[in-house]
Amino acid sequence: MKKKPIVCYLFTKFDEDKSLIDFKNNYLNYKSGYDHDLIISYKLIDKSKINDLKKKLQDIDYQEFIDPFTENDYDFGTYQRVSKKFMERDILFINSHSYPMCDDWLQKLMKFKEEKTLIGTSASNESLFNSIKLKKKYKFFSYLLKRYRSKKNFSDFPNPHIRTSSFLIRGRYFFDYIKNIKINNKEDTWKIESGFNGLTNYLKKKDFNIYVINSDGEKYSEKNWKFSETYNFLNQTKSIISDKHTRKYLLLNPEDQKLAQLKSWGL
């Protein structure tokens, strides 16, 4: 019998309570359409704070995962420990600033979930290497150092990758990837998302199917990711999961939206 998938929402000490409440409200407002277990993962939060948060979550059914790690190894460190605990479950990881945006959101993702499949709710071709700009002349040497470091870790544009604000994968496949990776700073998280040895490129080499699914319940392979209209393209009205960057795009004026589209997808 196939095991139910897990929806794993992460909340950390760096987040405002509003993020958790926004997730809870949208989780209640939009039907998932698919039987699952919800896990709220707490990172670097003390027991008294967790007890306070429980009072705000009394109207949803969930399990807790209290991350035992006492240093900040970012979202991926917690995801590593969750995936190790649930190796044979499909896990939809959702970060602190994200929440569902449509009915049947999990059903639409699970429709295309097979054994060796990575499913994202958005993707991008953005290259962090190409994003580095010289802003002030006196910072020229700092600029050169950043270019050198980025050239070692990130490809030129286009750099196709699944965005990791929310993604669906079998626990053991994610754990196999992440288990030996050290996460010491923010740049390490960028490398996991979009680096030469990032999650997307690692799974490509393993012959995984990698899709983006939109709110119409349609799947898009790499060459058509932008046409899913889930991230920095057109009116971006077909997101299954909202995150802080998709919301930022919606607030931009048309000219700035075109610049964001150029950065993410090119001409």
Protein backbone atom coordinates (compact mmCIF):
# COMPACT_ATOMS: atom_id res chain seq x y z
CA MET A 1 0.00 0.00 0.00
CA LYS A 2 1.37 3.38 -1.03
CA LYS A 3 2.12 5.67 1.90
CA LYS A 4 0.49 9.07 2.17
CA PRO A 5 2.65 12.03 1.15
CA ILE A 6 3.87 14.53 3.68
CA VAL A 7 3.40 18.28 3.48
CA CYS A 8 6.28 19.73 5.50
CA TYR A 9 6.01 23.41 6.40
CA LEU A 10 9.07 24.99 8.00
CA PHE A 11 8.92 27.73 10.64
CA THR A 12 12.11 29.18 12.13
CA LYS A 13 13.10 31.59 14.89
CA PHE A 14 13.83 34.19 12.21
CA ASP A 15 10.20 34.25 11.03
CA GLU A 16 7.32 36.38 12.22
CA ASP A 17 4.24 34.61 13.55
CA LYS A 18 2.31 36.12 10.64
CA SER A 19 4.04 33.73 8.23
CA LEU A 20 2.73 30.73 10.15
CA ILE A 21 -0.77 32.22 10.39
CA ASP A 22 -0.79 32.99 6.67
CA PHE A 23 0.16 29.39 5.93
CA LYS A 24 -2.50 28.05 8.30
CA ASN A 25 -5.24 30.26 6.85
CA ASN A 26 -4.45 29.34 3.26
CA TYR A 27 -4.08 25.67 4.21
CA LEU A 28 -7.62 25.82 5.62
CA ASN A 29 -9.07 27.96 2.82
CA TYR A 30 -7.84 25.82 -0.07
CA LYS A 31 -8.63 22.11 -0.17
CA SER A 32 -5.58 19.98 -0.87
CA GLY A 33 -7.60 17.36 -2.77
CA TYR A 34 -5.22 14.61 -1.64
CA ASP A 35 -4.92 12.69 1.62
CA HIS A 36 -1.66 13.57 3.38
CA ASP A 37 0.05 14.19 6.69
CA LEU A 38 0.90 17.77 7.58
CA ILE A 39 4.10 18.31 9.53
CA ILE A 40 5.05 21.67 11.04
CA SER A 41 8.83 21.76 11.41
CA TYR A 42 10.24 24.08 14.05
CA LYS A 43 13.82 25.29 13.69
CA LEU A 44 15.84 26.94 16.49
CA ILE A 45 12.69 27.70 18.49
CA ASP A 46 12.52 27.16 22.23
CA LYS A 47 9.82 25.13 23.96
CA SER A 48 7.93 28.10 25.42
CA LYS A 49 7.63 29.68 21.97
CA ILE A 50 6.41 26.40 20.47
CA ASN A 51 3.76 26.14 23.19
CA ASP A 52 2.62 29.65 22.29
CA LEU A 53 2.44 28.77 18.61
CA LYS A 54 0.37 25.66 19.35
CA LYS A 55 -2.44 27.88 20.56
CA LYS A 56 -2.56 29.48 17.13
CA LEU A 57 -2.73 26.12 15.38
CA GLN A 58 -5.57 24.49 17.28
CA ASP A 59 -7.86 24.43 14.25
CA ILE A 60 -5.61 22.29 12.02
CA ASP A 61 -4.52 18.66 12.29
CA TYR A 62 -0.75 18.33 12.17
CA GLN A 63 2.30 16.63 13.60
CA GLU A 64 5.38 18.38 14.97
CA PHE A 65 8.97 17.95 13.95
CA ILE A 66 11.19 19.86 16.36
CA ASP A 67 14.58 20.07 14.72
CA PRO A 68 17.18 19.00 17.31
CA PHE A 69 20.06 20.78 15.57
CA THR A 70 21.19 23.83 17.54
CA GLU A 71 23.03 25.77 14.83
CA ASN A 72 21.59 27.51 11.81
CA ASP A 73 22.12 25.30 8.77
CA TYR A 74 19.21 27.00 7.00
CA ASP A 75 16.11 25.39 5.53
CA PHE A 76 18.00 22.60 3.81
CA GLY A 77 19.53 21.37 7.05
CA THR A 78 16.07 20.77 8.49
CA TYR A 79 14.88 19.26 5.22
CA GLN A 80 17.79 16.83 5.42
CA ARG A 81 16.70 15.61 8.85
CA VAL A 82 13.03 15.39 7.86
CA SER A 83 13.90 13.38 4.74
CA LYS A 84 16.07 11.02 6.79
CA LYS A 85 13.13 10.37 9.13
CA PHE A 86 10.67 9.80 6.25
CA MET A 87 12.81 8.10 3.61
CA GLU A 88 9.96 6.24 1.90
CA ARG A 89 7.46 9.09 1.82
CA ASP A 90 6.92 11.70 -0.86
CA ILE A 91 7.52 15.07 0.80
CA LEU A 92 6.32 18.48 -0.31
CA PHE A 93 8.72 20.92 1.35
CA ILE A 94 7.29 24.42 1.87
CA ASN A 95 9.38 27.23 3.31
CA SER A 96 8.32 29.78 5.90
CA HIS A 97 7.04 32.45 3.52
CA SER A 98 4.97 30.17 1.29
CA TYR A 99 1.42 28.85 1.25
CA PRO A 100 -1.16 27.20 -1.09
CA MET A 101 -2.97 29.41 -3.59
CA CYS A 102 -5.62 27.19 -5.20
CA ASP A 103 -7.94 24.29 -4.49
CA ASP A 104 -6.63 20.76 -5.13
CA TRP A 105 -3.09 22.06 -4.84
CA LEU A 106 -1.61 18.77 -3.63
CA GLN A 107 -3.72 16.66 -5.95
CA LYS A 108 -2.38 18.59 -8.93
CA LEU A 109 1.20 17.96 -7.83
CA MET A 110 0.71 14.30 -6.93
CA LYS A 111 -0.95 13.58 -10.29
CA PHE A 112 2.49 13.63 -11.89
CA LYS A 113 4.53 12.24 -9.00
CA GLU A 114 6.38 9.09 -9.98
CA GLU A 115 9.28 7.30 -8.30
CA LYS A 116 12.15 9.25 -9.87
CA THR A 117 10.51 12.65 -10.21
CA LEU A 118 11.23 16.12 -8.89
CA ILE A 119 8.24 18.43 -9.03
CA GLY A 120 8.49 22.17 -8.51
CA THR A 121 5.79 24.78 -8.24
CA SER A 122 8.08 27.22 -10.07
CA ALA A 123 11.47 27.37 -11.75
CA SER A 124 13.92 29.86 -13.24
CA ASN A 125 16.81 30.17 -15.69
CA GLU A 126 18.45 32.90 -13.61
CA SER A 127 22.21 32.77 -13.10
CA LEU A 128 23.67 34.20 -9.91
CA PHE A 129 26.97 34.56 -11.74
CA ASN A 130 25.41 36.90 -14.30
CA SER A 131 23.58 38.81 -11.55
CA ILE A 132 26.79 40.16 -9.98
CA LYS A 133 27.23 43.84 -10.89
CA LEU A 134 29.89 46.43 -10.10
CA LYS A 135 27.96 49.10 -8.19
CA LYS A 136 30.82 51.31 -6.95
CA LYS A 137 34.31 51.70 -8.40
CA TYR A 138 36.04 51.46 -5.02
CA LYS A 139 34.52 47.99 -4.60
CA PHE A 140 36.18 46.70 -7.76
CA PHE A 141 38.34 44.05 -6.01
CA SER A 142 35.38 42.83 -3.99
CA TYR A 143 33.45 42.59 -7.26
CA LEU A 144 36.24 40.53 -8.88
CA LEU A 145 36.34 38.17 -5.89
CA LYS A 146 32.59 37.61 -6.05
CA ARG A 147 32.83 36.96 -9.81
CA TYR A 148 35.61 34.43 -9.26
CA ARG A 149 33.76 32.57 -6.50
CA SER A 150 30.49 32.57 -8.43
CA LYS A 151 32.16 31.36 -11.63
CA LYS A 152 33.29 28.24 -9.72
CA ASN A 153 29.79 27.45 -8.45
CA PHE A 154 27.22 28.77 -10.93
CA SER A 155 26.86 28.50 -14.68
CA ASP A 156 26.23 31.38 -17.03
CA PHE A 157 22.69 32.18 -18.10
CA PRO A 158 20.59 30.18 -18.85
CA ASN A 159 20.87 28.24 -15.61
CA PRO A 160 17.64 26.17 -15.41
CA HIS A 161 16.67 25.01 -11.94
CA ILE A 162 13.64 24.26 -9.80
CA ARG A 163 13.09 26.95 -7.19
CA THR A 164 13.24 25.46 -3.71
CA SER A 165 10.68 27.64 -1.94
CA SER A 166 8.46 24.58 -2.46
CA PHE A 167 9.22 21.27 -4.13
CA LEU A 168 8.04 17.65 -4.04
CA ILE A 169 10.39 14.68 -3.91
CA ARG A 170 10.75 11.22 -2.35
CA GLY A 171 12.50 11.53 1.00
CA ARG A 172 15.32 9.10 0.29
CA TYR A 173 16.25 10.77 -2.99
CA PHE A 174 16.55 14.15 -1.34
CA PHE A 175 18.50 12.65 1.55
CA ASP A 176 20.89 10.88 -0.84
CA TYR A 177 21.66 14.26 -2.38
CA ILE A 178 21.91 16.38 0.77
CA LYS A 179 23.44 13.99 3.31
CA ASN A 180 27.09 14.96 2.76
CA ILE A 181 26.62 18.65 1.98
CA LYS A 182 27.82 21.18 4.53
CA ILE A 183 25.58 24.23 4.88
CA ASN A 184 27.49 27.04 6.59
CA ASN A 185 26.15 30.19 4.98
CA LYS A 186 23.58 31.61 2.59
CA GLU A 187 25.78 31.03 -0.45
CA ASP A 188 25.73 27.30 0.31
CA THR A 189 21.92 27.36 0.03
CA TRP A 190 22.14 29.14 -3.33
CA LYS A 191 24.50 26.43 -4.55
CA ILE A 192 21.97 23.78 -3.52
CA GLU A 193 19.20 25.52 -5.42
CA SER A 194 20.97 26.59 -8.59
CA GLY A 195 24.66 25.66 -8.53
CA PHE A 196 26.62 23.33 -10.80
CA ASN A 197 26.12 20.63 -8.18
CA GLY A 198 22.67 21.77 -7.11
CA LEU A 199 19.62 19.59 -6.64
CA THR A 200 18.26 20.04 -10.16
CA ASN A 201 21.55 19.23 -11.89
CA TYR A 202 22.21 16.29 -9.56
CA LEU A 203 18.84 14.73 -10.37
CA LYS A 204 19.24 15.39 -14.09
CA LYS A 205 22.35 13.21 -14.01
CA LYS A 206 20.25 10.54 -12.28
CA ASP A 207 17.73 10.64 -15.17
CA PHE A 208 14.91 12.07 -13.07
CA ASN A 209 11.83 13.58 -14.64
CA ILE A 210 11.72 17.23 -13.56
CA TYR A 211 8.49 19.18 -13.97
CA VAL A 212 6.81 22.40 -12.98
CA ILE A 213 3.08 22.10 -12.31
CA ASN A 214 0.74 25.09 -12.44
CA SER A 215 -2.72 25.79 -11.02
CA ASP A 216 -4.35 24.50 -14.22
CA GLY A 217 -2.94 21.10 -13.27
CA GLU A 218 -0.66 21.04 -16.31
CA LYS A 219 2.95 19.85 -16.28
CA TYR A 220 5.85 21.61 -17.99
CA SER A 221 9.25 20.19 -18.81
CA GLU A 222 12.40 22.32 -18.72
CA LYS A 223 12.16 23.94 -22.12
CA ASN A 224 8.64 25.18 -21.32
CA TRP A 225 8.96 26.04 -17.62
CA LYS A 226 8.37 29.75 -18.10
CA PHE A 227 5.09 29.12 -19.95
CA SER A 228 3.65 27.63 -16.78
CA GLU A 229 3.13 31.28 -15.71
CA THR A 230 4.16 30.44 -12.16
CA TYR A 231 7.22 32.70 -11.86
CA ASN A 232 8.18 36.07 -13.37
CA PHE A 233 6.30 35.59 -16.63
CA LEU A 234 3.32 37.48 -18.04
CA ASN A 235 0.76 38.05 -15.29
CA GLN A 236 2.06 35.09 -13.23
CA THR A 237 -1.49 34.05 -12.34
CA LYS A 238 -1.05 30.28 -12.22
CA SER A 239 0.96 29.66 -9.06
CA ILE A 240 -0.01 26.66 -6.96
CA ILE A 241 2.13 27.86 -4.06
CA SER A 242 2.72 31.55 -3.32
CA ASP A 243 6.11 32.65 -1.97
CA LYS A 244 7.66 36.00 -1.12
CA HIS A 245 9.30 36.38 -4.53
CA THR A 246 6.17 35.54 -6.54
CA ARG A 247 4.28 38.08 -4.43
CA LYS A 248 7.00 40.68 -5.02
CA TYR A 249 6.62 40.27 -8.79
CA LEU A 250 2.88 40.89 -8.59
CA LEU A 251 3.52 44.25 -6.90
CA LEU A 252 5.91 45.51 -9.59
CA ASN A 253 4.87 47.96 -12.27
CA PRO A 254 4.76 46.59 -15.85
CA GLU A 255 8.23 47.91 -16.72
CA ASP A 256 9.85 46.30 -13.68
CA GLN A 257 7.98 43.08 -14.35
CA LYS A 258 9.59 42.97 -17.79
CA LEU A 259 13.02 43.43 -16.20
CA ALA A 260 12.31 40.59 -13.76
CA GLN A 261 11.17 38.41 -16.64
CA LEU A 262 14.37 39.19 -18.56
CA LYS A 263 16.49 38.26 -15.53
CA SER A 264 14.65 34.97 -15.03
CA TRP A 265 14.05 33.87 -18.61
CA GLY A 266 15.96 36.07 -21.05
CA LEU A 267 14.47 37.42 -24.25
